[in-house]
Structures are given as C-alpha cells and as structure tokens.
Amino acid sequence: MYAVIQTGGKQYRVAQGSTLKIEKIEADEGASVELDKVLMVADGDDIKVGSPYVDGGRVTATVKAHGRGKKVRIIKFRRRKHHLKRQGHRQAFTEIEVTGISAG
C-alpha cells in the first residue's frame, strides 16, 4: 500500500515505514503528525484518486529530526559592470517516518 501526498508545495510517494525529508513543519521531535492532503491511495489493484484530494485520506507520521540541507551557493555576475554578488542558502527540512496510511 502506498500513497501520494502533497506538503510544502511538493508531492511525495510514501509507503508505510518509509522515511523522507520534507519542508520544515512546526512539530516537536517524536511527535505524531497527520498529513491530510492525500492525492492518491493505492492498495494493489484498488486505486483511489482524489479531485484534488481523496476524501477521508490520511497519512500519519512521526517526526524523527529537524535539520538543514547542504549549502547552495548563488552567484550573480554582470560582465563589464564591476558587479559580483555571492550568497549562500541552507533549506530547513523535517525528517519524518510514515506510520500509517488510511484511505477513508
């Protein structure tokens, strides 16, 4: 059984027991979170597709850790204008482990 969820402007295919890094959410480590923007749930040949979300679809997960990703370097350069700007960015993430999927 797997599901496709939407969180942080991105879509993820999740199965029970899988871990993934999503955009940061406000929850303590070890807390249980419920993701209700479920786009699709598949259990063998039984597939439920929402429009846009599956009615009653829920994915429960446990927050394992919070962190920040690798540094992305941004360079803005204008040739012949004596202009060079450097900037760095580290995106915050939340690592979750999926504990249950229900189709409603």
N, C-alpha and C. Protein backbone atom coordinates (compact mmCIF):
# COMPACT_ATOMS: atom_id res chain seq x y z
N MET A 1 0.85 -1.18 0.00
CA MET A 1 0.00 0.00 0.00
C MET A 1 0.89 1.24 0.00
N TYR A 2 0.55 2.19 -0.87
CA TYR A 2 1.29 3.44 -0.90
C TYR A 2 0.32 4.59 -1.18
N ALA A 3 0.82 5.81 -0.95
CA ALA A 3 0.01 7.00 -1.16
C ALA A 3 0.88 8.10 -1.75
N VAL A 4 0.24 9.04 -2.40
CA VAL A 4 0.91 10.24 -2.90
C VAL A 4 0.35 11.40 -2.11
N ILE A 5 1.25 12.12 -1.40
CA ILE A 5 0.81 13.25 -0.57
C ILE A 5 1.43 14.54 -1.09
N GLN A 6 0.83 15.64 -0.65
CA GLN A 6 1.34 16.95 -1.01
C GLN A 6 1.65 17.71 0.27
N THR A 7 2.87 18.22 0.39
CA THR A 7 3.25 19.04 1.52
C THR A 7 4.41 19.93 1.12
N GLY A 8 4.37 21.17 1.54
CA GLY A 8 5.45 22.10 1.23
C GLY A 8 5.55 22.43 -0.25
N GLY A 9 4.45 22.31 -0.99
CA GLY A 9 4.47 22.61 -2.41
C GLY A 9 5.05 21.51 -3.28
N LYS A 10 5.34 20.36 -2.67
CA LYS A 10 5.90 19.23 -3.41
C LYS A 10 5.03 17.99 -3.19
N GLN A 11 5.20 17.00 -4.07
CA GLN A 11 4.46 15.76 -3.95
C GLN A 11 5.43 14.62 -3.67
N TYR A 12 5.02 13.71 -2.80
CA TYR A 12 5.87 12.59 -2.40
C TYR A 12 5.07 11.29 -2.47
N ARG A 13 5.73 10.21 -2.92
CA ARG A 13 5.13 8.88 -2.88
C ARG A 13 5.64 8.22 -1.61
N VAL A 14 4.71 7.84 -0.72
CA VAL A 14 5.11 7.29 0.58
C VAL A 14 4.48 5.92 0.77
N ALA A 15 5.18 5.09 1.51
CA ALA A 15 4.68 3.79 1.92
C ALA A 15 4.90 3.67 3.42
N GLN A 16 4.18 2.76 4.05
CA GLN A 16 4.31 2.61 5.49
C GLN A 16 5.73 2.17 5.85
N GLY A 17 6.33 2.86 6.81
CA GLY A 17 7.69 2.55 7.23
C GLY A 17 8.77 3.34 6.52
N SER A 18 8.41 4.10 5.48
CA SER A 18 9.41 4.85 4.74
C SER A 18 9.74 6.16 5.46
N THR A 19 10.97 6.63 5.28
CA THR A 19 11.39 7.91 5.84
C THR A 19 11.68 8.87 4.70
N LEU A 20 11.35 10.14 4.90
CA LEU A 20 11.61 11.13 3.88
C LEU A 20 11.83 12.49 4.52
N LYS A 21 12.48 13.36 3.76
CA LYS A 21 12.75 14.73 4.20
C LYS A 21 11.79 15.65 3.47
N ILE A 22 10.99 16.38 4.25
CA ILE A 22 10.02 17.30 3.68
C ILE A 22 10.36 18.71 4.12
N GLU A 23 9.68 19.70 3.57
CA GLU A 23 9.86 21.08 4.02
C GLU A 23 9.53 21.16 5.50
N LYS A 24 10.18 22.07 6.20
CA LYS A 24 10.06 22.14 7.65
C LYS A 24 8.62 22.38 8.08
N ILE A 25 8.17 21.60 9.07
CA ILE A 25 6.87 21.79 9.68
C ILE A 25 7.07 22.02 11.16
N GLU A 26 6.14 22.74 11.77
CA GLU A 26 6.24 23.07 13.18
C GLU A 26 5.70 21.91 14.02
N ALA A 27 6.59 21.04 14.44
CA ALA A 27 6.24 19.91 15.31
C ALA A 27 7.50 19.49 16.06
N ASP A 28 7.33 19.03 17.28
CA ASP A 28 8.45 18.59 18.08
C ASP A 28 8.94 17.22 17.61
N GLU A 29 10.22 16.94 17.89
CA GLU A 29 10.77 15.62 17.55
C GLU A 29 10.06 14.55 18.38
N GLY A 30 9.69 13.47 17.73
CA GLY A 30 8.97 12.39 18.40
C GLY A 30 7.46 12.56 18.35
N ALA A 31 6.99 13.72 17.93
CA ALA A 31 5.54 13.97 17.87
C ALA A 31 4.95 13.29 16.64
N SER A 32 3.66 13.02 16.72
CA SER A 32 2.96 12.42 15.59
C SER A 32 2.26 13.53 14.81
N VAL A 33 2.40 13.51 13.49
CA VAL A 33 1.74 14.50 12.63
C VAL A 33 0.81 13.77 11.67
N GLU A 34 -0.21 14.48 11.23
CA GLU A 34 -1.20 13.92 10.32
C GLU A 34 -1.21 14.76 9.05
N LEU A 35 -0.95 14.13 7.93
CA LEU A 35 -0.94 14.82 6.63
C LEU A 35 -2.24 14.46 5.92
N ASP A 36 -3.07 15.48 5.66
CA ASP A 36 -4.39 15.19 5.10
C ASP A 36 -4.52 15.56 3.62
N LYS A 37 -3.49 16.08 3.01
CA LYS A 37 -3.54 16.39 1.58
C LYS A 37 -3.06 15.17 0.81
N VAL A 38 -3.93 14.17 0.74
CA VAL A 38 -3.61 12.90 0.07
C VAL A 38 -4.19 12.95 -1.34
N LEU A 39 -3.33 12.83 -2.34
CA LEU A 39 -3.76 12.92 -3.73
C LEU A 39 -4.19 11.57 -4.30
N MET A 40 -3.55 10.48 -3.82
CA MET A 40 -3.87 9.16 -4.34
C MET A 40 -3.50 8.11 -3.31
N VAL A 41 -4.31 7.05 -3.25
CA VAL A 41 -4.02 5.90 -2.39
C VAL A 41 -4.16 4.65 -3.24
N ALA A 42 -3.14 3.79 -3.19
CA ALA A 42 -3.17 2.55 -3.97
C ALA A 42 -2.91 1.37 -3.05
N ASP A 43 -3.78 0.35 -3.16
CA ASP A 43 -3.62 -0.88 -2.40
C ASP A 43 -3.81 -2.03 -3.38
N GLY A 44 -2.70 -2.47 -3.98
CA GLY A 44 -2.78 -3.49 -5.02
C GLY A 44 -3.44 -2.92 -6.27
N ASP A 45 -4.56 -3.54 -6.68
CA ASP A 45 -5.28 -3.05 -7.85
C ASP A 45 -6.34 -2.03 -7.49
N ASP A 46 -6.59 -1.81 -6.21
CA ASP A 46 -7.57 -0.83 -5.75
C ASP A 46 -6.89 0.53 -5.64
N ILE A 47 -7.22 1.43 -6.57
CA ILE A 47 -6.58 2.76 -6.61
C ILE A 47 -7.67 3.82 -6.46
N LYS A 48 -7.44 4.73 -5.51
CA LYS A 48 -8.36 5.86 -5.30
C LYS A 48 -7.60 7.14 -5.63
N VAL A 49 -8.14 7.89 -6.58
CA VAL A 49 -7.54 9.16 -6.99
C VAL A 49 -8.48 10.27 -6.58
N GLY A 50 -7.96 11.28 -5.91
CA GLY A 50 -8.78 12.39 -5.44
C GLY A 50 -8.93 13.46 -6.50
N SER A 51 -9.85 14.39 -6.22
CA SER A 51 -10.04 15.53 -7.13
C SER A 51 -10.24 16.80 -6.31
N PRO A 52 -9.26 17.47 -5.79
CA PRO A 52 -7.84 17.13 -5.87
C PRO A 52 -7.38 16.18 -4.77
N TYR A 53 -8.13 16.06 -3.66
CA TYR A 53 -7.68 15.21 -2.55
C TYR A 53 -8.67 14.06 -2.33
N VAL A 54 -8.17 12.94 -1.83
CA VAL A 54 -9.00 11.78 -1.51
C VAL A 54 -9.82 12.11 -0.26
N ASP A 55 -11.13 11.91 -0.32
CA ASP A 55 -12.00 12.17 0.83
C ASP A 55 -11.67 11.21 1.96
N GLY A 56 -11.35 11.74 3.12
CA GLY A 56 -11.02 10.91 4.28
C GLY A 56 -9.64 10.31 4.25
N GLY A 57 -8.84 10.65 3.27
CA GLY A 57 -7.48 10.12 3.18
C GLY A 57 -6.57 10.77 4.21
N ARG A 58 -5.81 9.95 4.92
CA ARG A 58 -4.91 10.45 5.96
C ARG A 58 -3.61 9.65 5.93
N VAL A 59 -2.51 10.34 6.17
CA VAL A 59 -1.22 9.70 6.35
C VAL A 59 -0.68 10.19 7.68
N THR A 60 -0.40 9.26 8.58
CA THR A 60 0.17 9.63 9.88
C THR A 60 1.67 9.33 9.85
N ALA A 61 2.42 10.21 10.51
CA ALA A 61 3.87 10.07 10.52
C ALA A 61 4.42 10.55 11.85
N THR A 62 5.64 10.12 12.15
CA THR A 62 6.34 10.53 13.35
C THR A 62 7.54 11.38 12.95
N VAL A 63 7.72 12.52 13.62
CA VAL A 63 8.84 13.40 13.33
C VAL A 63 10.10 12.80 13.95
N LYS A 64 11.10 12.52 13.10
CA LYS A 64 12.35 11.95 13.59
C LYS A 64 13.37 13.02 13.91
N ALA A 65 13.50 14.05 13.06
CA ALA A 65 14.52 15.07 13.27
C ALA A 65 14.21 16.31 12.45
N HIS A 66 14.81 17.41 12.86
CA HIS A 66 14.81 18.64 12.09
C HIS A 66 16.25 18.93 11.70
N GLY A 67 16.45 19.60 10.59
CA GLY A 67 17.81 19.91 10.17
C GLY A 67 17.82 20.90 9.04
N ARG A 68 19.02 21.10 8.52
CA ARG A 68 19.20 21.99 7.38
C ARG A 68 20.01 21.27 6.32
N GLY A 69 19.66 21.48 5.06
CA GLY A 69 20.31 20.79 3.96
C GLY A 69 21.69 21.34 3.65
N LYS A 70 22.28 20.82 2.60
CA LYS A 70 23.59 21.27 2.17
C LYS A 70 23.50 22.70 1.64
N LYS A 71 24.61 23.41 1.71
CA LYS A 71 24.63 24.80 1.26
C LYS A 71 24.55 24.88 -0.26
N VAL A 72 23.69 25.78 -0.73
CA VAL A 72 23.58 26.08 -2.15
C VAL A 72 24.20 27.45 -2.35
N ARG A 73 25.15 27.54 -3.26
CA ARG A 73 25.82 28.82 -3.50
C ARG A 73 25.18 29.52 -4.68
N ILE A 74 24.87 30.81 -4.49
CA ILE A 74 24.25 31.64 -5.51
C ILE A 74 25.25 32.72 -5.89
N ILE A 75 25.51 32.88 -7.18
CA ILE A 75 26.42 33.91 -7.65
C ILE A 75 25.69 34.71 -8.72
N LYS A 76 25.63 36.03 -8.51
CA LYS A 76 25.06 36.93 -9.52
C LYS A 76 26.20 37.75 -10.08
N PHE A 77 26.36 37.72 -11.38
CA PHE A 77 27.51 38.35 -12.02
C PHE A 77 27.06 39.13 -13.24
N ARG A 78 27.52 40.37 -13.34
CA ARG A 78 27.25 41.19 -14.53
C ARG A 78 28.59 41.50 -15.19
N ARG A 79 28.73 41.02 -16.38
CA ARG A 79 30.02 41.23 -17.04
C ARG A 79 30.20 42.70 -17.41
N ARG A 80 31.41 43.16 -17.32
CA ARG A 80 31.84 44.52 -17.67
C ARG A 80 31.18 45.60 -16.80
N LYS A 81 30.56 45.25 -15.69
CA LYS A 81 29.87 46.24 -14.84
C LYS A 81 30.47 46.32 -13.44
N HIS A 82 31.56 45.58 -13.15
CA HIS A 82 32.17 45.54 -11.83
C HIS A 82 31.15 45.13 -10.78
N HIS A 83 30.35 44.11 -11.12
CA HIS A 83 29.30 43.65 -10.20
C HIS A 83 29.43 42.14 -9.99
N LEU A 84 29.60 41.74 -8.74
CA LEU A 84 29.64 40.33 -8.38
C LEU A 84 29.01 40.20 -7.00
N LYS A 85 28.00 39.36 -6.89
CA LYS A 85 27.32 39.17 -5.60
C LYS A 85 27.29 37.68 -5.30
N ARG A 86 27.75 37.31 -4.10
CA ARG A 86 27.73 35.91 -3.67
C ARG A 86 26.78 35.77 -2.50
N GLN A 87 26.06 34.66 -2.51
CA GLN A 87 25.11 34.40 -1.44
C GLN A 87 25.00 32.89 -1.23
N GLY A 88 24.70 32.48 -0.01
CA GLY A 88 24.51 31.06 0.29
C GLY A 88 23.14 30.83 0.90
N HIS A 89 22.66 29.61 0.80
CA HIS A 89 21.34 29.28 1.36
C HIS A 89 21.35 27.83 1.82
N ARG A 90 20.77 27.58 3.00
CA ARG A 90 20.58 26.22 3.50
C ARG A 90 19.10 26.07 3.83
N GLN A 91 18.43 25.16 3.13
CA GLN A 91 16.99 24.96 3.32
C GLN A 91 16.73 24.08 4.54
N ALA A 92 15.78 24.52 5.37
CA ALA A 92 15.40 23.74 6.55
C ALA A 92 14.48 22.59 6.13
N PHE A 93 14.64 21.44 6.81
CA PHE A 93 13.80 20.28 6.50
C PHE A 93 13.38 19.59 7.78
N THR A 94 12.36 18.74 7.65
CA THR A 94 11.90 17.87 8.72
C THR A 94 11.94 16.45 8.19
N GLU A 95 12.57 15.56 8.93
CA GLU A 95 12.64 14.15 8.54
C GLU A 95 11.53 13.41 9.26
N ILE A 96 10.67 12.72 8.50
CA ILE A 96 9.53 12.00 9.08
C ILE A 96 9.59 10.53 8.70
N GLU A 97 8.94 9.70 9.52
CA GLU A 97 8.77 8.29 9.21
C GLU A 97 7.27 8.00 9.16
N VAL A 98 6.81 7.46 8.06
CA VAL A 98 5.39 7.19 7.85
C VAL A 98 4.99 5.98 8.70
N THR A 99 3.93 6.16 9.52
CA THR A 99 3.49 5.06 10.39
C THR A 99 2.16 4.46 9.96
N GLY A 100 1.37 5.19 9.17
CA GLY A 100 0.09 4.63 8.74
C GLY A 100 -0.52 5.37 7.58
N ILE A 101 -1.27 4.64 6.76
CA ILE A 101 -1.99 5.21 5.62
C ILE A 101 -3.42 4.72 5.68
N SER A 102 -4.38 5.66 5.60
CA SER A 102 -5.78 5.27 5.55
C SER A 102 -6.46 5.98 4.41
N ALA A 103 -7.33 5.26 3.70
CA ALA A 103 -7.99 5.81 2.52
C ALA A 103 -9.35 6.41 2.83
N GLY A 104 -9.83 6.25 4.04
CA GLY A 104 -11.09 6.87 4.43
C GLY A 104 -12.32 6.09 4.19
